[in-house]
Amino acid sequence: MLQTLPQRTRPELSPYRMFTREEWAKLRADTPMTLSEEDLAKLSGINERVSAEEVVDIYLPMSRLLNLYVHAAQALHSDTTTFLGRRDNKVPFIIGMAGSVAVGKSTTARVLRALLARWPDHPRVDLVPTDGFLLPNAELEARNLMHRKGFPESFDQSALLKFLADVKAGLPKVKAPVYSHFDYDIRPDQHIVVDRPDILIVEGLNVLQPATLPKDGKAIPFVSDFFDFSIYIHADAKVTEDWYVNRFLTLRRTAFQHPDAYFHRYASLSDDEARTTALGIWRRINLKNLEENILPTRQRAALILDKGVDHAIERVWLRKL
């Protein structure tokens, strides 16, 4: 569990400052609650209902902190361009969000996006999941990587890096591909268009993973090189396993029932068969990816959100400046 981390490092040497839920909630100050119950219902995930209490205690302090970071970055960009005697395009503030499958990244990203867009200094906030940069199934099959879907090698890293470089350069109407969980594949005729937002949230499994360093010293860009702030969502692996299985069971009763769904073959499974199938997928693919590639990047995040069994965030770890 994440809370054991300081026991391996003397508190004064830890790069993080830890806050209990109660301590973090006090940092909200006078930040107003701008989301209604109807908003929260729309933003919630399949198995995660976001409560007003969670927004007040966790997300409002987080949006207040990020507003400070964005304001400081905007001021620094303005001062730097003045110093250089040039007029650059507006540079979006990019937030990277990482964590395991089924840990709640998408829900967190949606809630954070909604809150940040209500601050007056940055009303335009876009969200791009990196699922869209997975290689198409045909390519994964050609490379014998279908069983490694979600692992770093299953992504088109070059396309993702180009997308981030173009966004960070302030280019207009940059396109990101769209992934369909219904089709379990890329939809080549659909795109997310990112047109010089104030903030861009990039959410994905491996977005904090560093590239392999070259021996000749040449520069190799990391995805995280383009981030101005990064967030890692953590939960115990066994807890996340339970969430994954519950989500699978829910989808079996809903989306999988459609005859055109990629996973329609699971719709007729019994509860026991579906649970066994979900556990097999989790342990064979998702847990392995978590342990080998995702969890090791946790310490690279600026902010770590530590969840309990009920999806509520119990502790917050903020990297010291």
C-alpha atoms as a PDB file:
ATOM      1  CA  MET A   1       0.000   0.000   0.000  1.00  0.00           C
ATOM      2  CA  LEU A   2       1.099   3.522  -0.726  1.00  0.00           C
ATOM      3  CA  GLN A   3       0.948   4.652   2.901  1.00  0.00           C
ATOM      4  CA  THR A   4       4.006   2.493   3.699  1.00  0.00           C
ATOM      5  CA  LEU A   5       6.168   4.648   1.439  1.00  0.00           C
ATOM      6  CA  PRO A   6       7.437   7.094   4.104  1.00  0.00           C
ATOM      7  CA  GLN A   7       8.516   4.150   6.285  1.00  0.00           C
ATOM      8  CA  ARG A   8      11.199   3.371   3.722  1.00  0.00           C
ATOM      9  CA  THR A   9      12.324   6.996   3.569  1.00  0.00           C
ATOM     10  CA  ARG A  10      12.903   9.426   6.427  1.00  0.00           C
ATOM     11  CA  PRO A  11      10.032  11.973   6.290  1.00  0.00           C
ATOM     12  CA  GLU A  12      12.414  14.907   5.946  1.00  0.00           C
ATOM     13  CA  LEU A  13      14.008  13.220   2.915  1.00  0.00           C
ATOM     14  CA  SER A  14      10.776  12.218   1.171  1.00  0.00           C
ATOM     15  CA  PRO A  15      10.046  14.209  -1.994  1.00  0.00           C
ATOM     16  CA  TYR A  16       6.365  14.267  -0.987  1.00  0.00           C
ATOM     17  CA  ARG A  17       4.238  15.955   1.610  1.00  0.00           C
ATOM     18  CA  MET A  18       1.404  13.669   2.751  1.00  0.00           C
ATOM     19  CA  PHE A  19      -2.090  14.923   3.610  1.00  0.00           C
ATOM     20  CA  THR A  20      -4.905  12.994   5.220  1.00  0.00           C
ATOM     21  CA  ARG A  21      -8.307  13.485   3.650  1.00  0.00           C
ATOM     22  CA  GLU A  22      -9.248  15.900   6.425  1.00  0.00           C
ATOM     23  CA  GLU A  23      -6.047  17.929   6.056  1.00  0.00           C
ATOM     24  CA  TRP A  24      -6.426  18.135   2.289  1.00  0.00           C
ATOM     25  CA  ALA A  25     -10.085  19.176   2.504  1.00  0.00           C
ATOM     26  CA  LYS A  26      -9.121  22.256   4.536  1.00  0.00           C
ATOM     27  CA  LEU A  27      -7.088  23.525   1.563  1.00  0.00           C
ATOM     28  CA  ARG A  28     -10.306  24.167  -0.347  1.00  0.00           C
ATOM     29  CA  ALA A  29     -10.509  27.588   1.359  1.00  0.00           C
ATOM     30  CA  ASP A  30     -13.365  29.499  -0.283  1.00  0.00           C
ATOM     31  CA  THR A  31     -13.307  27.659  -3.618  1.00  0.00           C
ATOM     32  CA  PRO A  32     -16.972  27.430  -4.647  1.00  0.00           C
ATOM     33  CA  MET A  33     -18.760  24.192  -5.457  1.00  0.00           C
ATOM     34  CA  THR A  34     -19.742  24.600  -9.110  1.00  0.00           C
ATOM     35  CA  LEU A  35     -21.082  21.123  -9.925  1.00  0.00           C
ATOM     36  CA  SER A  36     -24.696  20.093  -9.424  1.00  0.00           C
ATOM     37  CA  GLU A  37     -25.959  16.605  -8.567  1.00  0.00           C
ATOM     38  CA  GLU A  38     -26.976  16.285 -12.209  1.00  0.00           C
ATOM     39  CA  ASP A  39     -23.421  17.169 -13.282  1.00  0.00           C
ATOM     40  CA  LEU A  40     -21.992  14.547 -10.921  1.00  0.00           C
ATOM     41  CA  ALA A  41     -24.310  11.847 -12.267  1.00  0.00           C
ATOM     42  CA  LYS A  42     -23.110  12.549 -15.819  1.00  0.00           C
ATOM     43  CA  LEU A  43     -19.445  12.584 -14.779  1.00  0.00           C
ATOM     44  CA  SER A  44     -19.536   9.351 -12.769  1.00  0.00           C
ATOM     45  CA  GLY A  45     -18.109   6.105 -14.106  1.00  0.00           C
ATOM     46  CA  ILE A  46     -19.636   2.665 -14.582  1.00  0.00           C
ATOM     47  CA  ASN A  47     -18.859   1.521 -11.031  1.00  0.00           C
ATOM     48  CA  GLU A  48     -17.864   4.824  -9.439  1.00  0.00           C
ATOM     49  CA  ARG A  49     -20.483   7.323  -8.326  1.00  0.00           C
ATOM     50  CA  VAL A  50     -18.785  10.643  -7.593  1.00  0.00           C
ATOM     51  CA  SER A  51     -20.316  12.250  -4.511  1.00  0.00           C
ATOM     52  CA  ALA A  52     -20.574  15.923  -3.689  1.00  0.00           C
ATOM     53  CA  GLU A  53     -18.541  15.183  -0.558  1.00  0.00           C
ATOM     54  CA  GLU A  54     -15.700  13.763  -2.663  1.00  0.00           C
ATOM     55  CA  VAL A  55     -15.694  16.856  -4.864  1.00  0.00           C
ATOM     56  CA  VAL A  56     -15.697  19.212  -1.891  1.00  0.00           C
ATOM     57  CA  ASP A  57     -13.016  17.346   0.074  1.00  0.00           C
ATOM     58  CA  ILE A  58     -10.675  16.301  -2.753  1.00  0.00           C
ATOM     59  CA  TYR A  59     -11.392  17.881  -6.122  1.00  0.00           C
ATOM     60  CA  LEU A  60     -12.007  21.485  -5.073  1.00  0.00           C
ATOM     61  CA  PRO A  61      -8.641  21.764  -3.263  1.00  0.00           C
ATOM     62  CA  MET A  62      -7.031  20.080  -6.288  1.00  0.00           C
ATOM     63  CA  SER A  63      -8.638  22.509  -8.721  1.00  0.00           C
ATOM     64  CA  ARG A  64      -7.550  25.421  -6.542  1.00  0.00           C
ATOM     65  CA  LEU A  65      -3.955  24.141  -6.539  1.00  0.00           C
ATOM     66  CA  LEU A  66      -3.966  23.581 -10.302  1.00  0.00           C
ATOM     67  CA  ASN A  67      -5.420  27.026 -10.887  1.00  0.00           C
ATOM     68  CA  LEU A  68      -2.366  28.441  -9.099  1.00  0.00           C
ATOM     69  CA  TYR A  69      -0.038  26.340 -11.269  1.00  0.00           C
ATOM     70  CA  VAL A  70      -1.795  27.383 -14.482  1.00  0.00           C
ATOM     71  CA  HIS A  71      -1.761  31.053 -13.529  1.00  0.00           C
ATOM     72  CA  ALA A  72       1.962  30.863 -12.701  1.00  0.00           C
ATOM     73  CA  ALA A  73       2.727  29.055 -15.985  1.00  0.00           C
ATOM     74  CA  GLN A  74       0.790  31.634 -17.992  1.00  0.00           C
ATOM     75  CA  ALA A  75       2.657  34.468 -16.280  1.00  0.00           C
ATOM     76  CA  LEU A  76       6.030  32.778 -16.833  1.00  0.00           C
ATOM     77  CA  HIS A  77       5.260  32.207 -20.524  1.00  0.00           C
ATOM     78  CA  SER A  78       4.279  35.854 -20.954  1.00  0.00           C
ATOM     79  CA  ASP A  79       7.403  37.110 -19.188  1.00  0.00           C
ATOM     80  CA  THR A  80       9.670  34.737 -21.140  1.00  0.00           C
ATOM     81  CA  THR A  81       8.287  35.734 -24.531  1.00  0.00           C
ATOM     82  CA  THR A  82       8.742  39.388 -23.560  1.00  0.00           C
ATOM     83  CA  PHE A  83      12.320  38.671 -22.531  1.00  0.00           C
ATOM     84  CA  LEU A  84      13.010  36.916 -25.848  1.00  0.00           C
ATOM     85  CA  GLY A  85      11.372  39.709 -27.810  1.00  0.00           C
ATOM     86  CA  ARG A  86       9.007  37.413 -29.660  1.00  0.00           C
ATOM     87  CA  ARG A  87       5.315  36.665 -29.839  1.00  0.00           C
ATOM     88  CA  ASP A  88       4.624  32.954 -29.501  1.00  0.00           C
ATOM     89  CA  ASN A  89       1.304  31.157 -29.790  1.00  0.00           C
ATOM     90  CA  LYS A  90      -0.604  30.474 -26.611  1.00  0.00           C
ATOM     91  CA  VAL A  91       0.853  27.393 -24.933  1.00  0.00           C
ATOM     92  CA  PRO A  92      -1.639  25.042 -23.269  1.00  0.00           C
ATOM     93  CA  PHE A  93      -0.992  23.826 -19.729  1.00  0.00           C
ATOM     94  CA  ILE A  94      -0.852  20.025 -20.009  1.00  0.00           C
ATOM     95  CA  ILE A  95      -1.802  17.713 -17.146  1.00  0.00           C
ATOM     96  CA  GLY A  96      -0.848  14.039 -17.374  1.00  0.00           C
ATOM     97  CA  MET A  97      -2.893  11.469 -15.468  1.00  0.00           C
ATOM     98  CA  ALA A  98      -1.748   7.872 -14.965  1.00  0.00           C
ATOM     99  CA  GLY A  99      -2.887   4.771 -13.114  1.00  0.00           C
ATOM    100  CA  SER A 100      -4.096   1.209 -13.528  1.00  0.00           C
ATOM    101  CA  VAL A 101      -6.980  -0.086 -15.587  1.00  0.00           C
ATOM    102  CA  ALA A 102     -10.228   0.274 -13.558  1.00  0.00           C
ATOM    103  CA  VAL A 103      -8.703   2.623 -10.956  1.00  0.00           C
ATOM    104  CA  GLY A 104     -10.913   5.533 -12.019  1.00  0.00           C
ATOM    105  CA  LYS A 105      -8.680   7.683 -14.224  1.00  0.00           C
ATOM    106  CA  SER A 106     -11.426   8.594 -16.668  1.00  0.00           C
ATOM    107  CA  THR A 107     -13.833   9.651 -13.927  1.00  0.00           C
ATOM    108  CA  THR A 108     -11.193  11.743 -12.181  1.00  0.00           C
ATOM    109  CA  ALA A 109     -10.215  13.375 -15.477  1.00  0.00           C
ATOM    110  CA  ARG A 110     -13.833  14.250 -16.302  1.00  0.00           C
ATOM    111  CA  VAL A 111     -14.529  15.778 -12.893  1.00  0.00           C
ATOM    112  CA  LEU A 112     -11.273  17.723 -12.911  1.00  0.00           C
ATOM    113  CA  ARG A 113     -11.955  18.988 -16.407  1.00  0.00           C
ATOM    114  CA  ALA A 114     -15.406  20.232 -15.415  1.00  0.00           C
ATOM    115  CA  LEU A 115     -14.066  22.063 -12.361  1.00  0.00           C
ATOM    116  CA  LEU A 116     -11.049  23.631 -14.077  1.00  0.00           C
ATOM    117  CA  ALA A 117     -13.222  24.938 -16.916  1.00  0.00           C
ATOM    118  CA  ARG A 118     -15.193  26.969 -14.385  1.00  0.00           C
ATOM    119  CA  TRP A 119     -12.187  29.065 -13.366  1.00  0.00           C
ATOM    120  CA  PRO A 120     -12.182  32.432 -15.200  1.00  0.00           C
ATOM    121  CA  ASP A 121      -8.517  32.334 -16.290  1.00  0.00           C
ATOM    122  CA  HIS A 122      -8.776  29.054 -18.231  1.00  0.00           C
ATOM    123  CA  PRO A 123     -12.301  28.359 -19.450  1.00  0.00           C
ATOM    124  CA  ARG A 124     -11.294  26.013 -22.255  1.00  0.00           C
ATOM    125  CA  VAL A 125     -10.203  22.611 -20.988  1.00  0.00           C
ATOM    126  CA  ASP A 126      -9.851  19.582 -23.274  1.00  0.00           C
ATOM    127  CA  LEU A 127      -9.452  15.919 -22.404  1.00  0.00           C
ATOM    128  CA  VAL A 128      -7.693  13.286 -24.525  1.00  0.00           C
ATOM    129  CA  PRO A 129      -7.422   9.610 -23.475  1.00  0.00           C
ATOM    130  CA  THR A 130      -4.306   7.942 -24.820  1.00  0.00           C
ATOM    131  CA  ASP A 131      -6.341   4.837 -25.721  1.00  0.00           C
ATOM    132  CA  GLY A 132      -6.725   6.509 -29.101  1.00  0.00           C
ATOM    133  CA  PHE A 133      -3.004   6.041 -29.681  1.00  0.00           C
ATOM    134  CA  LEU A 134      -3.158   2.277 -29.345  1.00  0.00           C
ATOM    135  CA  LEU A 135      -2.127   0.529 -32.520  1.00  0.00           C
ATOM    136  CA  PRO A 136      -5.127  -0.763 -34.508  1.00  0.00           C
ATOM    137  CA  ASN A 137      -6.034  -4.387 -33.866  1.00  0.00           C
ATOM    138  CA  ALA A 138      -4.866  -5.410 -37.324  1.00  0.00           C
ATOM    139  CA  GLU A 139      -1.411  -4.028 -36.556  1.00  0.00           C
ATOM    140  CA  LEU A 140      -1.351  -5.594 -33.098  1.00  0.00           C
ATOM    141  CA  GLU A 141      -2.259  -8.960 -34.595  1.00  0.00           C
ATOM    142  CA  ALA A 142       0.439  -8.597 -37.254  1.00  0.00           C
ATOM    143  CA  ARG A 143       2.986  -7.935 -34.506  1.00  0.00           C
ATOM    144  CA  ASN A 144       1.563 -10.682 -32.249  1.00  0.00           C
ATOM    145  CA  LEU A 145       0.748  -8.090 -29.586  1.00  0.00           C
ATOM    146  CA  MET A 146      -2.995  -8.512 -29.013  1.00  0.00           C
ATOM    147  CA  HIS A 147      -2.236 -10.200 -25.689  1.00  0.00           C
ATOM    148  CA  ARG A 148      -0.108  -7.144 -24.781  1.00  0.00           C
ATOM    149  CA  LYS A 149      -2.759  -4.533 -25.491  1.00  0.00           C
ATOM    150  CA  GLY A 150      -2.257  -1.654 -23.061  1.00  0.00           C
ATOM    151  CA  PHE A 151       1.445  -2.407 -22.568  1.00  0.00           C
ATOM    152  CA  PRO A 152       3.850   0.331 -23.732  1.00  0.00           C
ATOM    153  CA  GLU A 153       4.749  -1.478 -26.954  1.00  0.00           C
ATOM    154  CA  SER A 154       1.094  -1.565 -28.057  1.00  0.00           C
ATOM    155  CA  PHE A 155       0.932   2.223 -28.442  1.00  0.00           C
ATOM    156  CA  ASP A 156       1.948   4.368 -31.398  1.00  0.00           C
ATOM    157  CA  GLN A 157       4.408   6.411 -29.352  1.00  0.00           C
ATOM    158  CA  SER A 158       5.577   8.452 -32.326  1.00  0.00           C
ATOM    159  CA  ALA A 159       2.029   9.606 -33.075  1.00  0.00           C
ATOM    160  CA  LEU A 160       1.410  10.458 -29.413  1.00  0.00           C
ATOM    161  CA  LEU A 161       4.632  12.455 -29.163  1.00  0.00           C
ATOM    162  CA  LYS A 162       3.852  14.352 -32.373  1.00  0.00           C
ATOM    163  CA  PHE A 163       0.355  15.129 -31.108  1.00  0.00           C
ATOM    164  CA  LEU A 164       1.722  16.528 -27.829  1.00  0.00           C
ATOM    165  CA  ALA A 165       4.477  18.468 -29.596  1.00  0.00           C
ATOM    166  CA  ASP A 166       1.939  20.083 -31.934  1.00  0.00           C
ATOM    167  CA  VAL A 167      -0.389  20.964 -29.056  1.00  0.00           C
ATOM    168  CA  LYS A 168       2.460  22.389 -27.006  1.00  0.00           C
ATOM    169  CA  ALA A 169       3.580  24.439 -30.013  1.00  0.00           C
ATOM    170  CA  GLY A 170       0.184  26.117 -30.052  1.00  0.00           C
ATOM    171  CA  LEU A 171      -0.867  24.719 -33.416  1.00  0.00           C
ATOM    172  CA  PRO A 172      -4.585  24.938 -34.226  1.00  0.00           C
ATOM    173  CA  LYS A 173      -6.935  21.991 -34.654  1.00  0.00           C
ATOM    174  CA  VAL A 174      -4.588  19.163 -33.712  1.00  0.00           C
ATOM    175  CA  LYS A 175      -6.303  15.791 -34.155  1.00  0.00           C
ATOM    176  CA  ALA A 176      -6.142  12.832 -31.786  1.00  0.00           C
ATOM    177  CA  PRO A 177      -7.486   9.409 -32.799  1.00  0.00           C
ATOM    178  CA  VAL A 178     -10.500   7.904 -31.017  1.00  0.00           C
ATOM    179  CA  TYR A 179     -10.639   4.460 -29.420  1.00  0.00           C
ATOM    180  CA  SER A 180     -13.922   2.582 -29.052  1.00  0.00           C
ATOM    181  CA  HIS A 181     -14.313   0.229 -26.093  1.00  0.00           C
ATOM    182  CA  PHE A 182     -17.425  -1.093 -27.852  1.00  0.00           C
ATOM    183  CA  ASP A 183     -15.385  -2.072 -30.926  1.00  0.00           C
ATOM    184  CA  TYR A 184     -12.201  -2.698 -28.893  1.00  0.00           C
ATOM    185  CA  ASP A 185     -10.367  -0.897 -31.683  1.00  0.00           C
ATOM    186  CA  ILE A 186      -9.502   2.478 -33.173  1.00  0.00           C
ATOM    187  CA  ARG A 187     -12.249   4.247 -35.121  1.00  0.00           C
ATOM    188  CA  PRO A 188     -10.323   5.653 -38.105  1.00  0.00           C
ATOM    189  CA  ASP A 189     -13.135   7.984 -39.153  1.00  0.00           C
ATOM    190  CA  GLN A 190     -13.362   9.744 -35.772  1.00  0.00           C
ATOM    191  CA  HIS A 191     -11.042  12.251 -34.087  1.00  0.00           C
ATOM    192  CA  ILE A 192     -10.839  14.532 -31.081  1.00  0.00           C
ATOM    193  CA  VAL A 193      -9.869  18.002 -32.271  1.00  0.00           C
ATOM    194  CA  VAL A 194      -7.741  19.993 -29.837  1.00  0.00           C
ATOM    195  CA  ASP A 195      -7.754  23.652 -30.826  1.00  0.00           C
ATOM    196  CA  ARG A 196      -5.412  25.655 -28.582  1.00  0.00           C
ATOM    197  CA  PRO A 197      -7.107  25.028 -25.221  1.00  0.00           C
ATOM    198  CA  ASP A 198      -6.054  26.720 -22.003  1.00  0.00           C
ATOM    199  CA  ILE A 199      -5.580  23.299 -20.394  1.00  0.00           C
ATOM    200  CA  LEU A 200      -5.265  19.807 -21.838  1.00  0.00           C
ATOM    201  CA  ILE A 201      -5.681  16.717 -19.659  1.00  0.00           C
ATOM    202  CA  VAL A 202      -3.976  13.615 -21.095  1.00  0.00           C
ATOM    203  CA  GLU A 203      -5.167  10.438 -19.381  1.00  0.00           C
ATOM    204  CA  GLY A 204      -3.638   6.987 -19.863  1.00  0.00           C
ATOM    205  CA  LEU A 205      -1.953   3.946 -18.407  1.00  0.00           C
ATOM    206  CA  ASN A 206       1.690   4.610 -19.215  1.00  0.00           C
ATOM    207  CA  VAL A 207       1.905   8.370 -19.697  1.00  0.00           C
ATOM    208  CA  LEU A 208       4.526   8.771 -16.957  1.00  0.00           C
ATOM    209  CA  GLN A 209       6.825   6.039 -18.236  1.00  0.00           C
ATOM    210  CA  PRO A 210      10.291   7.251 -19.267  1.00  0.00           C
ATOM    211  CA  ALA A 211      11.859   6.152 -22.508  1.00  0.00           C
ATOM    212  CA  THR A 212      15.021   4.067 -22.597  1.00  0.00           C
ATOM    213  CA  LEU A 213      17.977   6.397 -22.310  1.00  0.00           C
ATOM    214  CA  PRO A 214      20.326   6.340 -25.312  1.00  0.00           C
ATOM    215  CA  LYS A 215      23.963   5.488 -24.762  1.00  0.00           C
ATOM    216  CA  ASP A 216      25.175   8.180 -27.153  1.00  0.00           C
ATOM    217  CA  GLY A 217      23.473  11.011 -25.255  1.00  0.00           C
ATOM    218  CA  LYS A 218      21.077  11.965 -28.041  1.00  0.00           C
ATOM    219  CA  ALA A 219      17.740  13.349 -26.944  1.00  0.00           C
ATOM    220  CA  ILE A 220      14.789  10.961 -26.813  1.00  0.00           C
ATOM    221  CA  PRO A 221      11.573  12.708 -25.796  1.00  0.00           C
ATOM    222  CA  PHE A 222       9.305  11.228 -23.138  1.00  0.00           C
ATOM    223  CA  VAL A 223       5.542  11.737 -23.211  1.00  0.00           C
ATOM    224  CA  SER A 224       5.860  13.274 -19.754  1.00  0.00           C
ATOM    225  CA  ASP A 225       8.307  15.879 -21.096  1.00  0.00           C
ATOM    226  CA  PHE A 226       5.238  17.749 -22.347  1.00  0.00           C
ATOM    227  CA  PHE A 227       3.454  17.753 -18.981  1.00  0.00           C
ATOM    228  CA  ASP A 228       3.312  20.792 -16.734  1.00  0.00           C
ATOM    229  CA  PHE A 229       1.742  18.758 -13.931  1.00  0.00           C
ATOM    230  CA  SER A 230       1.164  15.043 -13.394  1.00  0.00           C
ATOM    231  CA  ILE A 231      -1.247  12.971 -11.314  1.00  0.00           C
ATOM    232  CA  TYR A 232      -1.120   9.283 -10.401  1.00  0.00           C
ATOM    233  CA  ILE A 233      -4.218   7.512  -9.089  1.00  0.00           C
ATOM    234  CA  HIS A 234      -3.348   4.648  -6.765  1.00  0.00           C
ATOM    235  CA  ALA A 235      -5.241   1.837  -5.084  1.00  0.00           C
ATOM    236  CA  ASP A 236      -4.129  -1.490  -3.688  1.00  0.00           C
ATOM    237  CA  ALA A 237      -3.871  -4.064  -6.508  1.00  0.00           C
ATOM    238  CA  LYS A 238      -6.393  -6.405  -4.874  1.00  0.00           C
ATOM    239  CA  VAL A 239      -8.884  -3.561  -4.534  1.00  0.00           C
ATOM    240  CA  THR A 240      -8.397  -2.593  -8.173  1.00  0.00           C
ATOM    241  CA  GLU A 241      -8.873  -6.225  -9.150  1.00  0.00           C
ATOM    242  CA  ASP A 242     -12.282  -6.217  -7.448  1.00  0.00           C
ATOM    243  CA  TRP A 243     -13.238  -3.015  -9.284  1.00  0.00           C
ATOM    244  CA  TYR A 244     -12.165  -4.527 -12.591  1.00  0.00           C
ATOM    245  CA  VAL A 245     -14.209  -7.676 -12.018  1.00  0.00           C
ATOM    246  CA  ASN A 246     -17.284  -5.682 -10.960  1.00  0.00           C
ATOM    247  CA  ARG A 247     -16.962  -3.482 -14.032  1.00  0.00           C
ATOM    248  CA  PHE A 248     -16.694  -6.573 -16.245  1.00  0.00           C
ATOM    249  CA  LEU A 249     -19.857  -8.009 -14.673  1.00  0.00           C
ATOM    250  CA  THR A 250     -21.685  -4.729 -15.226  1.00  0.00           C
ATOM    251  CA  LEU A 251     -20.614  -4.571 -18.874  1.00  0.00           C
ATOM    252  CA  ARG A 252     -21.675  -8.198 -19.361  1.00  0.00           C
ATOM    253  CA  ARG A 253     -25.215  -7.161 -18.396  1.00  0.00           C
ATOM    254  CA  THR A 254     -25.151  -3.981 -20.514  1.00  0.00           C
ATOM    255  CA  ALA A 255     -22.752  -3.135 -23.368  1.00  0.00           C
ATOM    256  CA  PHE A 256     -21.727  -6.751 -24.029  1.00  0.00           C
ATOM    257  CA  GLN A 257     -25.360  -7.638 -24.736  1.00  0.00           C
ATOM    258  CA  HIS A 258     -25.250  -5.798 -28.058  1.00  0.00           C
ATOM    259  CA  PRO A 259     -24.614  -8.331 -30.840  1.00  0.00           C
ATOM    260  CA  ASP A 260     -22.064  -6.026 -32.510  1.00  0.00           C
ATOM    261  CA  ALA A 261     -20.002  -5.529 -29.356  1.00  0.00           C
ATOM    262  CA  TYR A 262     -16.479  -6.974 -29.539  1.00  0.00           C
ATOM    263  CA  PHE A 263     -17.020  -8.780 -26.220  1.00  0.00           C
ATOM    264  CA  HIS A 264     -20.544 -10.005 -27.017  1.00  0.00           C
ATOM    265  CA  ARG A 265     -19.263 -13.575 -26.608  1.00  0.00           C
ATOM    266  CA  TYR A 266     -19.097 -12.938 -22.853  1.00  0.00           C
ATOM    267  CA  ALA A 267     -22.739 -11.829 -22.582  1.00  0.00           C
ATOM    268  CA  SER A 268     -24.077 -15.369 -22.117  1.00  0.00           C
ATOM    269  CA  LEU A 269     -21.649 -16.345 -19.348  1.00  0.00           C
ATOM    270  CA  SER A 270     -22.999 -17.178 -15.921  1.00  0.00           C
ATOM    271  CA  ASP A 271     -21.969 -15.031 -12.975  1.00  0.00           C
ATOM    272  CA  ASP A 272     -19.337 -17.557 -11.914  1.00  0.00           C
ATOM    273  CA  GLU A 273     -18.023 -17.973 -15.459  1.00  0.00           C
ATOM    274  CA  ALA A 274     -17.873 -14.213 -15.979  1.00  0.00           C
ATOM    275  CA  ARG A 275     -16.037 -13.702 -12.703  1.00  0.00           C
ATOM    276  CA  THR A 276     -13.503 -16.401 -13.575  1.00  0.00           C
ATOM    277  CA  THR A 277     -13.010 -14.905 -17.047  1.00  0.00           C
ATOM    278  CA  ALA A 278     -12.539 -11.389 -15.669  1.00  0.00           C
ATOM    279  CA  LEU A 279     -10.035 -12.574 -13.071  1.00  0.00           C
ATOM    280  CA  GLY A 280      -8.078 -14.401 -15.762  1.00  0.00           C
ATOM    281  CA  ILE A 281      -7.892 -11.291 -17.958  1.00  0.00           C
ATOM    282  CA  TRP A 282      -6.945  -9.112 -15.003  1.00  0.00           C
ATOM    283  CA  ARG A 283      -4.163 -11.357 -13.719  1.00  0.00           C
ATOM    284  CA  ARG A 284      -2.793 -12.341 -17.127  1.00  0.00           C
ATOM    285  CA  ILE A 285      -2.745  -8.841 -18.654  1.00  0.00           C
ATOM    286  CA  ASN A 286      -3.753  -5.898 -16.488  1.00  0.00           C
ATOM    287  CA  LEU A 287      -2.057  -6.875 -13.231  1.00  0.00           C
ATOM    288  CA  LYS A 288       1.133  -7.738 -15.093  1.00  0.00           C
ATOM    289  CA  ASN A 289       1.076  -4.368 -16.858  1.00  0.00           C
ATOM    290  CA  LEU A 290       0.413  -2.613 -13.550  1.00  0.00           C
ATOM    291  CA  GLU A 291       3.317  -4.285 -11.775  1.00  0.00           C
ATOM    292  CA  GLU A 292       5.824  -4.056 -14.633  1.00  0.00           C
ATOM    293  CA  ASN A 293       5.044  -0.697 -16.220  1.00  0.00           C
ATOM    294  CA  ILE A 294       2.461   1.456 -14.454  1.00  0.00           C
ATOM    295  CA  LEU A 295       3.152   1.260 -10.717  1.00  0.00           C
ATOM    296  CA  PRO A 296       6.906   1.941 -11.144  1.00  0.00           C
ATOM    297  CA  THR A 297       6.003   5.374 -12.588  1.00  0.00           C
ATOM    298  CA  ARG A 298       4.048   6.456  -9.497  1.00  0.00           C
ATOM    299  CA  GLN A 299       7.017   8.275  -7.978  1.00  0.00           C
ATOM    300  CA  ARG A 300       7.322  10.452 -11.083  1.00  0.00           C
ATOM    301  CA  ALA A 301       3.965  12.139 -10.418  1.00  0.00           C
ATOM    302  CA  ALA A 302       3.579  15.568  -8.861  1.00  0.00           C
ATOM    303  CA  LEU A 303       0.388  14.486  -7.091  1.00  0.00           C
ATOM    304  CA  ILE A 304      -0.658  10.995  -5.941  1.00  0.00           C
ATOM    305  CA  LEU A 305      -4.269  10.240  -5.022  1.00  0.00           C
ATOM    306  CA  ASP A 306      -4.569   7.179  -2.775  1.00  0.00           C
ATOM    307  CA  LYS A 307      -7.968   5.465  -2.911  1.00  0.00           C
ATOM    308  CA  GLY A 308      -9.717   3.162  -0.468  1.00  0.00           C
ATOM    309  CA  VAL A 309     -12.050   0.252  -1.151  1.00  0.00           C
ATOM    310  CA  ASP A 310     -15.075   2.512  -1.675  1.00  0.00           C
ATOM    311  CA  HIS A 311     -13.302   4.627  -4.328  1.00  0.00           C
ATOM    312  CA  ALA A 312     -12.994   7.516  -1.870  1.00  0.00           C
ATOM    313  CA  ILE A 313      -9.570   9.181  -1.807  1.00  0.00           C
ATOM    314  CA  GLU A 314      -8.074   8.706   1.652  1.00  0.00           C
ATOM    315  CA  ARG A 315      -4.664  10.359   1.296  1.00  0.00           C
ATOM    316  CA  VAL A 316      -3.032  12.871  -1.021  1.00  0.00           C
ATOM    317  CA  TRP A 317       0.698  13.059  -1.688  1.00  0.00           C
ATOM    318  CA  LEU A 318       1.996  16.330  -3.132  1.00  0.00           C
ATOM    319  CA  ARG A 319       5.548  16.613  -4.395  1.00  0.00           C
ATOM    320  CA  LYS A 320       7.521  19.309  -2.607  1.00  0.00           C
ATOM    321  CA  LEU A 321       8.675  22.277  -4.641  1.00  0.00           C
END
